[in-house]
Structure formats: structure tokens, C-alpha cells
Full PDB file with SEQRES, HELIX, SHEET, SSBOND, CRYST1, ORIGX, SCALE, CONECT and MASTER records, all heavy atoms in Angstrom:
SEQRES   1 A   38  ILE THR ALA MET GLN ALA VAL LEU ALA ALA GLY GLY PRO          
SEQRES   2 A   38  LYS GLU ASP ALA ALA MET GLY ARG VAL VAL LEU PHE ARG          
SEQRES   3 A   38  ARG ILE ASP SER GLU MET SER GLU VAL HIS ILE LEU              
HELIX    1 AA1 ALA A    3  ALA A    9  1                                   7    
HELIX    2 AA2 MET A   19  ARG A   21  5                                   3    
SHEET    1 AA1 2 VAL A  23  ARG A  27  0                                        
SHEET    2 AA1 2 SER A  33  ILE A  37 -1                                        
CRYST1    1.000    1.000    1.000  90.00  90.00  90.00 P 1           1          
ORIGX1      1.000000  0.000000  0.000000        0.00000                         
ORIGX2      0.000000  1.000000  0.000000        0.00000                         
ORIGX3      0.000000  0.000000  1.000000        0.00000                         
SCALE1      1.000000  0.000000  0.000000        0.00000                         
SCALE2      0.000000  1.000000  0.000000        0.00000                         
SCALE3      0.000000  0.000000  1.000000        0.00000                         
ATOM      1  N   ILE A   1     112.458  27.672  98.620  1.00  0.00           N  
ATOM      2  CA  ILE A   1     112.160  28.202  99.913  1.00  0.00           C  
ATOM      3  C   ILE A   1     113.432  28.595 100.706  1.00  0.00           C  
ATOM      4  O   ILE A   1     114.439  27.915 100.642  1.00  0.00           O  
ATOM      5  CB  ILE A   1     111.258  27.136 100.794  1.00  0.00           C  
ATOM      6  CG1 ILE A   1     110.779  27.784 102.021  1.00  0.00           C  
ATOM      7  CG2 ILE A   1     112.120  25.928 101.132  1.00  0.00           C  
ATOM      8  CD1 ILE A   1     109.772  26.869 102.806  1.00  0.00           C  
ATOM      9  N   THR A   2     113.279  29.708 101.390  1.00  0.00           N  
ATOM     10  CA  THR A   2     114.471  30.164 102.190  1.00  0.00           C  
ATOM     11  C   THR A   2     114.356  29.648 103.709  1.00  0.00           C  
ATOM     12  O   THR A   2     113.214  29.069 104.120  1.00  0.00           O  
ATOM     13  CB  THR A   2     114.558  31.732 102.281  1.00  0.00           C  
ATOM     14  OG1 THR A   2     113.474  32.178 102.991  1.00  0.00           O  
ATOM     15  CG2 THR A   2     114.535  32.268 100.891  1.00  0.00           C  
ATOM     16  N   ALA A   3     115.393  29.783 104.395  1.00  0.00           N  
ATOM     17  CA  ALA A   3     115.412  29.348 105.804  1.00  0.00           C  
ATOM     18  C   ALA A   3     114.401  30.005 106.585  1.00  0.00           C  
ATOM     19  O   ALA A   3     113.520  29.432 107.382  1.00  0.00           O  
ATOM     20  CB  ALA A   3     116.805  29.554 106.466  1.00  0.00           C  
ATOM     21  N   MET A   4     114.300  31.404 106.445  1.00  0.00           N  
ATOM     22  CA  MET A   4     113.126  32.132 107.204  1.00  0.00           C  
ATOM     23  C   MET A   4     111.760  31.689 106.857  1.00  0.00           C  
ATOM     24  O   MET A   4     110.904  31.495 107.646  1.00  0.00           O  
ATOM     25  CB  MET A   4     113.320  33.574 106.893  1.00  0.00           C  
ATOM     26  CG  MET A   4     112.424  34.507 107.740  1.00  0.00           C  
ATOM     27  SD  MET A   4     112.850  34.406 109.462  1.00  0.00           S  
ATOM     28  CE  MET A   4     111.660  35.358 110.238  1.00  0.00           C  
ATOM     29  N   GLN A   5     111.544  31.388 105.533  1.00  0.00           N  
ATOM     30  CA  GLN A   5     110.264  30.955 105.087  1.00  0.00           C  
ATOM     31  C   GLN A   5     109.872  29.550 105.691  1.00  0.00           C  
ATOM     32  O   GLN A   5     108.771  29.213 105.998  1.00  0.00           O  
ATOM     33  CB  GLN A   5     110.190  30.831 103.573  1.00  0.00           C  
ATOM     34  CG  GLN A   5     110.101  32.190 102.995  1.00  0.00           C  
ATOM     35  CD  GLN A   5     110.263  32.076 101.474  1.00  0.00           C  
ATOM     36  OE1 GLN A   5     110.972  31.182 100.896  1.00  0.00           O  
ATOM     37  NE2 GLN A   5     109.755  33.114 100.684  1.00  0.00           N  
ATOM     38  N   ALA A   6     111.003  28.682 105.808  1.00  0.00           N  
ATOM     39  CA  ALA A   6     110.762  27.296 106.430  1.00  0.00           C  
ATOM     40  C   ALA A   6     110.423  27.493 107.855  1.00  0.00           C  
ATOM     41  O   ALA A   6     109.634  26.722 108.341  1.00  0.00           O  
ATOM     42  CB  ALA A   6     112.078  26.556 106.235  1.00  0.00           C  
ATOM     43  N   VAL A   7     111.056  28.426 108.630  1.00  0.00           N  
ATOM     44  CA  VAL A   7     110.719  28.584 110.052  1.00  0.00           C  
ATOM     45  C   VAL A   7     109.208  29.124 110.158  1.00  0.00           C  
ATOM     46  O   VAL A   7     108.552  28.635 110.949  1.00  0.00           O  
ATOM     47  CB  VAL A   7     111.713  29.709 110.628  1.00  0.00           C  
ATOM     48  CG1 VAL A   7     111.189  30.125 111.991  1.00  0.00           C  
ATOM     49  CG2 VAL A   7     113.110  29.155 110.676  1.00  0.00           C  
ATOM     50  N   LEU A   8     108.845  29.989 109.290  1.00  0.00           N  
ATOM     51  CA  LEU A   8     107.440  30.479 109.374  1.00  0.00           C  
ATOM     52  C   LEU A   8     106.410  29.381 108.969  1.00  0.00           C  
ATOM     53  O   LEU A   8     105.385  29.216 109.506  1.00  0.00           O  
ATOM     54  CB  LEU A   8     107.203  31.583 108.385  1.00  0.00           C  
ATOM     55  CG  LEU A   8     108.033  32.891 108.779  1.00  0.00           C  
ATOM     56  CD1 LEU A   8     107.858  34.054 107.609  1.00  0.00           C  
ATOM     57  CD2 LEU A   8     107.640  33.425 110.113  1.00  0.00           C  
ATOM     58  N   ALA A   9     106.815  28.450 108.031  1.00  0.00           N  
ATOM     59  CA  ALA A   9     105.998  27.367 107.641  1.00  0.00           C  
ATOM     60  C   ALA A   9     105.874  26.365 108.777  1.00  0.00           C  
ATOM     61  O   ALA A   9     104.920  25.653 108.833  1.00  0.00           O  
ATOM     62  CB  ALA A   9     106.591  26.640 106.355  1.00  0.00           C  
ATOM     63  N   ALA A  10     106.881  26.400 109.710  1.00  0.00           N  
ATOM     64  CA  ALA A  10     106.864  25.574 110.882  1.00  0.00           C  
ATOM     65  C   ALA A  10     106.015  26.201 112.016  1.00  0.00           C  
ATOM     66  O   ALA A  10     106.209  25.765 113.195  1.00  0.00           O  
ATOM     67  CB  ALA A  10     108.238  25.187 111.330  1.00  0.00           C  
ATOM     68  N   GLY A  11     105.259  27.237 111.692  1.00  0.00           N  
ATOM     69  CA  GLY A  11     104.413  27.856 112.759  1.00  0.00           C  
ATOM     70  C   GLY A  11     105.074  29.097 113.251  1.00  0.00           C  
ATOM     71  O   GLY A  11     104.520  29.670 114.151  1.00  0.00           O  
ATOM     72  N   GLY A  12     106.409  29.343 112.901  1.00  0.00           N  
ATOM     73  CA  GLY A  12     107.082  30.468 113.427  1.00  0.00           C  
ATOM     74  C   GLY A  12     107.884  30.164 114.650  1.00  0.00           C  
ATOM     75  O   GLY A  12     107.710  29.116 115.285  1.00  0.00           O  
ATOM     76  N   PRO A  13     108.806  31.065 114.984  1.00  0.00           N  
ATOM     77  CA  PRO A  13     109.580  30.720 116.174  1.00  0.00           C  
ATOM     78  C   PRO A  13     108.794  31.024 117.506  1.00  0.00           C  
ATOM     79  O   PRO A  13     107.902  31.802 117.589  1.00  0.00           O  
ATOM     80  CB  PRO A  13     110.727  31.841 116.117  1.00  0.00           C  
ATOM     81  CG  PRO A  13     110.023  32.986 115.318  1.00  0.00           C  
ATOM     82  CD  PRO A  13     109.113  32.371 114.448  1.00  0.00           C  
ATOM     83  N   LYS A  14     109.188  30.292 118.588  1.00  0.00           N  
ATOM     84  CA  LYS A  14     108.656  30.492 119.842  1.00  0.00           C  
ATOM     85  C   LYS A  14     109.346  31.800 120.437  1.00  0.00           C  
ATOM     86  O   LYS A  14     110.276  32.339 119.973  1.00  0.00           O  
ATOM     87  CB  LYS A  14     109.017  29.227 120.755  1.00  0.00           C  
ATOM     88  CG  LYS A  14     108.326  27.996 120.274  1.00  0.00           C  
ATOM     89  CD  LYS A  14     108.580  26.932 121.241  1.00  0.00           C  
ATOM     90  CE  LYS A  14     107.941  25.459 120.776  1.00  0.00           C  
ATOM     91  NZ  LYS A  14     108.235  24.437 121.772  1.00  0.00           N  
ATOM     92  N   GLU A  15     108.711  32.174 121.618  1.00  0.00           N  
ATOM     93  CA  GLU A  15     109.103  33.429 122.203  1.00  0.00           C  
ATOM     94  C   GLU A  15     110.586  33.460 122.521  1.00  0.00           C  
ATOM     95  O   GLU A  15     111.319  34.468 122.499  1.00  0.00           O  
ATOM     96  CB  GLU A  15     108.254  33.757 123.481  1.00  0.00           C  
ATOM     97  CG  GLU A  15     106.810  34.148 123.130  1.00  0.00           C  
ATOM     98  CD  GLU A  15     106.054  34.466 124.381  1.00  0.00           C  
ATOM     99  OE1 GLU A  15     106.665  34.560 125.438  1.00  0.00           O  
ATOM    100  OE2 GLU A  15     104.858  34.764 124.144  1.00  0.00           O  
ATOM    101  N   ASP A  16     111.107  32.291 123.021  1.00  0.00           N  
ATOM    102  CA  ASP A  16     112.516  32.305 123.460  1.00  0.00           C  
ATOM    103  C   ASP A  16     113.523  31.781 122.429  1.00  0.00           C  
ATOM    104  O   ASP A  16     114.560  31.402 122.745  1.00  0.00           O  
ATOM    105  CB  ASP A  16     112.599  31.407 124.719  1.00  0.00           C  
ATOM    106  CG  ASP A  16     112.157  30.016 124.491  1.00  0.00           C  
ATOM    107  OD1 ASP A  16     111.491  29.759 123.504  1.00  0.00           O  
ATOM    108  OD2 ASP A  16     112.386  29.181 125.380  1.00  0.00           O  
ATOM    109  N   ALA A  17     113.029  31.769 121.114  1.00  0.00           N  
ATOM    110  CA  ALA A  17     113.920  31.291 120.140  1.00  0.00           C  
ATOM    111  C   ALA A  17     115.101  32.227 119.826  1.00  0.00           C  
ATOM    112  O   ALA A  17     114.763  33.453 119.730  1.00  0.00           O  
ATOM    113  CB  ALA A  17     113.099  31.065 118.805  1.00  0.00           C  
ATOM    114  N   ALA A  18     116.201  31.714 119.555  1.00  0.00           N  
ATOM    115  CA  ALA A  18     117.358  32.628 119.265  1.00  0.00           C  
ATOM    116  C   ALA A  18     117.458  32.688 117.698  1.00  0.00           C  
ATOM    117  O   ALA A  18     118.260  32.071 117.206  1.00  0.00           O  
ATOM    118  CB  ALA A  18     118.622  32.032 119.875  1.00  0.00           C  
ATOM    119  N   MET A  19     116.662  33.659 117.187  1.00  0.00           N  
ATOM    120  CA  MET A  19     116.672  33.782 115.776  1.00  0.00           C  
ATOM    121  C   MET A  19     117.948  34.497 115.150  1.00  0.00           C  
ATOM    122  O   MET A  19     118.108  34.568 113.989  1.00  0.00           O  
ATOM    123  CB  MET A  19     115.474  34.568 115.218  1.00  0.00           C  
ATOM    124  CG  MET A  19     114.090  33.896 115.543  1.00  0.00           C  
ATOM    125  SD  MET A  19     114.020  32.382 114.479  1.00  0.00           S  
ATOM    126  CE  MET A  19     113.812  33.040 112.892  1.00  0.00           C  
ATOM    127  N   GLY A  20     118.666  34.983 116.021  1.00  0.00           N  
ATOM    128  CA  GLY A  20     119.886  35.668 115.666  1.00  0.00           C  
ATOM    129  C   GLY A  20     121.023  34.647 115.436  1.00  0.00           C  
ATOM    130  O   GLY A  20     122.099  35.010 114.893  1.00  0.00           O  
ATOM    131  N   ARG A  21     120.802  33.348 115.629  1.00  0.00           N  
ATOM    132  CA  ARG A  21     121.869  32.259 115.408  1.00  0.00           C  
ATOM    133  C   ARG A  21     121.153  31.047 115.056  1.00  0.00           C  
ATOM    134  O   ARG A  21     121.219  30.039 115.877  1.00  0.00           O  
ATOM    135  CB  ARG A  21     122.735  32.257 116.529  1.00  0.00           C  
ATOM    136  CG  ARG A  21     124.083  31.513 116.246  1.00  0.00           C  
ATOM    137  CD  ARG A  21     125.082  31.778 117.426  1.00  0.00           C  
ATOM    138  NE  ARG A  21     126.377  31.220 117.036  1.00  0.00           N  
ATOM    139  CZ  ARG A  21     126.857  29.939 117.356  1.00  0.00           C  
ATOM    140  NH1 ARG A  21     126.042  29.169 118.011  1.00  0.00           N  
ATOM    141  NH2 ARG A  21     128.057  29.683 116.925  1.00  0.00           N  
ATOM    142  N   VAL A  22     120.469  31.028 113.926  1.00  0.00           N  
ATOM    143  CA  VAL A  22     119.864  29.726 113.395  1.00  0.00           C  
ATOM    144  C   VAL A  22     120.961  28.863 112.761  1.00  0.00           C  
ATOM    145  O   VAL A  22     121.598  29.428 111.929  1.00  0.00           O  
ATOM    146  CB  VAL A  22     118.701  30.053 112.509  1.00  0.00           C  
ATOM    147  CG1 VAL A  22     118.136  28.791 111.924  1.00  0.00           C  
ATOM    148  CG2 VAL A  22     117.654  30.853 113.226  1.00  0.00           C  
ATOM    149  N   VAL A  23     120.934  27.636 113.038  1.00  0.00           N  
ATOM    150  CA  VAL A  23     122.038  26.725 112.425  1.00  0.00           C  
ATOM    151  C   VAL A  23     121.421  25.942 111.356  1.00  0.00           C  
ATOM    152  O   VAL A  23     120.377  25.275 111.467  1.00  0.00           O  
ATOM    153  CB  VAL A  23     122.569  25.811 113.541  1.00  0.00           C  
ATOM    154  CG1 VAL A  23     123.711  24.940 113.003  1.00  0.00           C  
ATOM    155  CG2 VAL A  23     123.008  26.610 114.780  1.00  0.00           C  
ATOM    156  N   LEU A  24     122.070  25.985 110.210  1.00  0.00           N  
ATOM    157  CA  LEU A  24     121.772  25.148 109.039  1.00  0.00           C  
ATOM    158  C   LEU A  24     122.736  24.077 108.724  1.00  0.00           C  
ATOM    159  O   LEU A  24     123.881  24.457 108.654  1.00  0.00           O  
ATOM    160  CB  LEU A  24     121.581  26.099 107.832  1.00  0.00           C  
ATOM    161  CG  LEU A  24     121.489  25.387 106.450  1.00  0.00           C  
ATOM    162  CD1 LEU A  24     120.302  24.496 106.345  1.00  0.00           C  
ATOM    163  CD2 LEU A  24     121.528  26.355 105.334  1.00  0.00           C  
ATOM    164  N   PHE A  25     122.350  22.834 108.865  1.00  0.00           N  
ATOM    165  CA  PHE A  25     123.201  21.725 108.527  1.00  0.00           C  
ATOM    166  C   PHE A  25     122.885  21.240 107.195  1.00  0.00           C  
ATOM    167  O   PHE A  25     121.728  20.963 106.805  1.00  0.00           O  
ATOM    168  CB  PHE A  25     122.910  20.548 109.558  1.00  0.00           C  
ATOM    169  CG  PHE A  25     123.095  20.937 111.008  1.00  0.00           C  
ATOM    170  CD1 PHE A  25     122.145  21.340 111.814  1.00  0.00           C  
ATOM    171  CD2 PHE A  25     124.409  20.817 111.615  1.00  0.00           C  
ATOM    172  CE1 PHE A  25     122.341  21.692 113.187  1.00  0.00           C  
ATOM    173  CE2 PHE A  25     124.696  21.207 112.960  1.00  0.00           C  
ATOM    174  CZ  PHE A  25     123.580  21.542 113.693  1.00  0.00           C  
ATOM    175  N   ARG A  26     123.911  21.309 106.324  1.00  0.00           N  
ATOM    176  CA  ARG A  26     123.739  20.895 104.941  1.00  0.00           C  
ATOM    177  C   ARG A  26     124.590  19.780 104.633  1.00  0.00           C  
ATOM    178  O   ARG A  26     125.860  19.778 104.836  1.00  0.00           O  
ATOM    179  CB  ARG A  26     124.187  22.078 104.031  1.00  0.00           C  
ATOM    180  CG  ARG A  26     124.137  21.719 102.487  1.00  0.00           C  
ATOM    181  CD  ARG A  26     123.955  22.948 101.638  1.00  0.00           C  
ATOM    182  NE  ARG A  26     122.626  23.609 101.844  1.00  0.00           N  
ATOM    183  CZ  ARG A  26     122.286  24.783 101.330  1.00  0.00           C  
ATOM    184  NH1 ARG A  26     123.288  25.511 100.777  1.00  0.00           N  
ATOM    185  NH2 ARG A  26     121.111  25.269 101.571  1.00  0.00           N  
ATOM    186  N   ARG A  27     123.924  18.615 104.275  1.00  0.00           N  
ATOM    187  CA  ARG A  27     124.678  17.379 104.085  1.00  0.00           C  
ATOM    188  C   ARG A  27     125.634  17.495 102.858  1.00  0.00           C  
ATOM    189  O   ARG A  27     125.029  17.780 101.710  1.00  0.00           O  
ATOM    190  CB  ARG A  27     123.699  16.267 103.931  1.00  0.00           C  
ATOM    191  CG  ARG A  27     124.395  14.796 103.884  1.00  0.00           C  
ATOM    192  CD  ARG A  27     123.456  13.713 104.086  1.00  0.00           C  
ATOM    193  NE  ARG A  27     122.374  13.651 103.013  1.00  0.00           N  
ATOM    194  CZ  ARG A  27     121.530  12.656 102.990  1.00  0.00           C  
ATOM    195  NH1 ARG A  27     121.535  11.770 103.856  1.00  0.00           N  
ATOM    196  NH2 ARG A  27     120.595  12.698 102.072  1.00  0.00           N  
ATOM    197  N   ILE A  28     126.835  17.096 102.994  1.00  0.00           N  
ATOM    198  CA  ILE A  28     127.762  17.104 101.886  1.00  0.00           C  
ATOM    199  C   ILE A  28     127.769  15.659 101.212  1.00  0.00           C  
ATOM    200  O   ILE A  28     127.695  15.624 100.041  1.00  0.00           O  
ATOM    201  CB  ILE A  28     129.252  17.429 102.307  1.00  0.00           C  
ATOM    202  CG1 ILE A  28     129.206  18.748 102.935  1.00  0.00           C  
ATOM    203  CG2 ILE A  28     130.153  17.269 101.222  1.00  0.00           C  
ATOM    204  CD1 ILE A  28     130.576  19.175 103.584  1.00  0.00           C  
ATOM    205  N   ASP A  29     127.760  14.670 102.086  1.00  0.00           N  
ATOM    206  CA  ASP A  29     127.648  13.271 101.532  1.00  0.00           C  
ATOM    207  C   ASP A  29     127.043  12.452 102.764  1.00  0.00           C  
ATOM    208  O   ASP A  29     126.533  12.957 103.723  1.00  0.00           O  
ATOM    209  CB  ASP A  29     128.929  12.685 101.183  1.00  0.00           C  
ATOM    210  CG  ASP A  29     130.115  12.911 102.172  1.00  0.00           C  
ATOM    211  OD1 ASP A  29     129.785  12.817 103.371  1.00  0.00           O  
ATOM    212  OD2 ASP A  29     131.295  13.089 101.780  1.00  0.00           O  
ATOM    213  N   SER A  30     127.141  11.177 102.673  1.00  0.00           N  
ATOM    214  CA  SER A  30     126.546  10.331 103.672  1.00  0.00           C  
ATOM    215  C   SER A  30     127.216  10.402 105.043  1.00  0.00           C  
ATOM    216  O   SER A  30     126.660   9.972 106.068  1.00  0.00           O  
ATOM    217  CB  SER A  30     126.505   8.828 103.203  1.00  0.00           C  
ATOM    218  OG  SER A  30     127.853   8.379 102.998  1.00  0.00           O  
ATOM    219  N   GLU A  31     128.346  10.952 105.076  1.00  0.00           N  
ATOM    220  CA  GLU A  31     129.186  11.050 106.319  1.00  0.00           C  
ATOM    221  C   GLU A  31     129.333  12.426 106.931  1.00  0.00           C  
ATOM    222  O   GLU A  31     129.417  12.590 108.133  1.00  0.00           O  
ATOM    223  CB  GLU A  31     130.609  10.391 106.082  1.00  0.00           C  
ATOM    224  CG  GLU A  31     130.539   8.922 105.734  1.00  0.00           C  
ATOM    225  CD  GLU A  31     131.975   8.309 105.690  1.00  0.00           C  
ATOM    226  OE1 GLU A  31     132.936   9.153 105.804  1.00  0.00           O  
ATOM    227  OE2 GLU A  31     132.018   7.140 105.487  1.00  0.00           O  
ATOM    228  N   MET A  32     129.452  13.502 106.090  1.00  0.00           N  
ATOM    229  CA  MET A  32     129.783  14.791 106.578  1.00  0.00           C  
ATOM    230  C   MET A  32     128.654  15.801 106.242  1.00  0.00           C  
ATOM    231  O   MET A  32     127.938  15.726 105.207  1.00  0.00           O  
ATOM    232  CB  MET A  32     131.105  15.226 105.996  1.00  0.00           C  
ATOM    233  CG  MET A  32     132.293  14.361 106.312  1.00  0.00           C  
ATOM    234  SD  MET A  32     132.569  14.384 108.197  1.00  0.00           S  
ATOM    235  CE  MET A  32     133.028  16.133 108.456  1.00  0.00           C  
ATOM    236  N   SER A  33     128.543  16.730 107.053  1.00  0.00           N  
ATOM    237  CA  SER A  33     127.561  17.869 106.847  1.00  0.00           C  
ATOM    238  C   SER A  33     128.339  19.236 107.143  1.00  0.00           C  
ATOM    239  O   SER A  33     129.162  19.299 107.966  1.00  0.00           O  
ATOM    240  CB  SER A  33     126.323  17.791 107.768  1.00  0.00           C  
ATOM    241  OG  SER A  33     125.547  16.674 107.434  1.00  0.00           O  
ATOM    242  N   GLU A  34     127.952  20.231 106.358  1.00  0.00           N  
ATOM    243  CA  GLU A  34     128.519  21.610 106.515  1.00  0.00           C  
ATOM    244  C   GLU A  34     127.586  22.449 107.446  1.00  0.00           C  
ATOM    245  O   GLU A  34     126.340  22.246 107.247  1.00  0.00           O  
ATOM    246  CB  GLU A  34     128.751  22.267 105.190  1.00  0.00           C  
ATOM    247  CG  GLU A  34     129.414  23.546 105.202  1.00  0.00           C  
ATOM    248  CD  GLU A  34     129.651  24.168 103.868  1.00  0.00           C  
ATOM    249  OE1 GLU A  34     129.182  23.703 102.872  1.00  0.00           O  
ATOM    250  OE2 GLU A  34     130.444  25.168 103.852  1.00  0.00           O  
ATOM    251  N   VAL A  35     128.082  23.314 108.167  1.00  0.00           N  
ATOM    252  CA  VAL A  35     127.372  24.122 109.145  1.00  0.00           C  
ATOM    253  C   VAL A  35     127.374  25.599 108.703  1.00  0.00           C  
ATOM    254  O   VAL A  35     128.405  26.171 108.418  1.00  0.00           O  
ATOM    255  CB  VAL A  35     127.910  23.992 110.587  1.00  0.00           C  
ATOM    256  CG1 VAL A  35     127.138  24.876 111.535  1.00  0.00           C  
ATOM    257  CG2 VAL A  35     127.844  22.519 111.047  1.00  0.00           C  
ATOM    258  N   HIS A  36     126.133  26.178 108.680  1.00  0.00           N  
ATOM    259  CA  HIS A  36     125.991  27.633 108.428  1.00  0.00           C  
ATOM    260  C   HIS A  36     125.291  28.308 109.519  1.00  0.00           C  
ATOM    261  O   HIS A  36     124.267  27.712 109.980  1.00  0.00           O  
ATOM    262  CB  HIS A  36     125.312  27.874 107.018  1.00  0.00           C  
ATOM    263  CG  HIS A  36     125.889  27.186 105.789  1.00  0.00           C  
ATOM    264  ND1 HIS A  36     126.768  28.038 105.029  1.00  0.00           N  
ATOM    265  CD2 HIS A  36     125.841  25.964 105.327  1.00  0.00           C  
ATOM    266  CE1 HIS A  36     127.158  27.227 104.046  1.00  0.00           C  
ATOM    267  NE2 HIS A  36     126.554  25.999 104.176  1.00  0.00           N  
ATOM    268  N   ILE A  37     125.722  29.456 109.954  1.00  0.00           N  
ATOM    269  CA  ILE A  37     125.049  30.163 111.001  1.00  0.00           C  
ATOM    270  C   ILE A  37     124.329  31.315 110.314  1.00  0.00           C  
ATOM    271  O   ILE A  37     124.893  32.232 109.651  1.00  0.00           O  
ATOM    272  CB  ILE A  37     126.025  30.758 112.012  1.00  0.00           C  
ATOM    273  CG1 ILE A  37     126.953  29.616 112.625  1.00  0.00           C  
ATOM    274  CG2 ILE A  37     125.288  31.484 113.109  1.00  0.00           C  
ATOM    275  CD1 ILE A  37     126.022  28.545 113.328  1.00  0.00           C  
ATOM    276  N   LEU A  38     122.964  31.400 110.469  1.00  0.00           N  
ATOM    277  CA  LEU A  38     122.130  32.386 109.860  1.00  0.00           C  
ATOM    278  C   LEU A  38     121.536  33.299 110.889  1.00  0.00           C  
ATOM    279  O   LEU A  38     121.075  32.959 111.963  1.00  0.00           O  
ATOM    280  CB  LEU A  38     120.962  31.693 109.122  1.00  0.00           C  
ATOM    281  CG  LEU A  38     121.345  30.574 108.183  1.00  0.00           C  
ATOM    282  CD1 LEU A  38     120.023  30.021 107.570  1.00  0.00           C  
ATOM    283  CD2 LEU A  38     122.213  31.087 107.104  1.00  0.00           C  
TER     284      LEU A  38                                                      
MASTER        0    0    0    2    2    0    0    6  283    1    0    3          
END                                                                             
């Protein structure tokens, strides 16, 4: 599943959602996560 599909599966974005800058946190290990801006 892609990030956009996950947002739609969550009912879709609200009217004031900033879909131009969705933040993806991806865990590297138990202490650190990497950040992606979609």
C-alpha cells in the first residue's frame, strides 16, 4: 500500500489537511526514525 492509499483508507483527508506536505516517519531502529516529506 502507498501513502496516498493509506490516507484514503483512513477515510481521506479533511478539508484543511495539508496534503502538499505529508510527513512519513520510518523507523530505522528502536531509537531513531527517518523523516520523508511527501
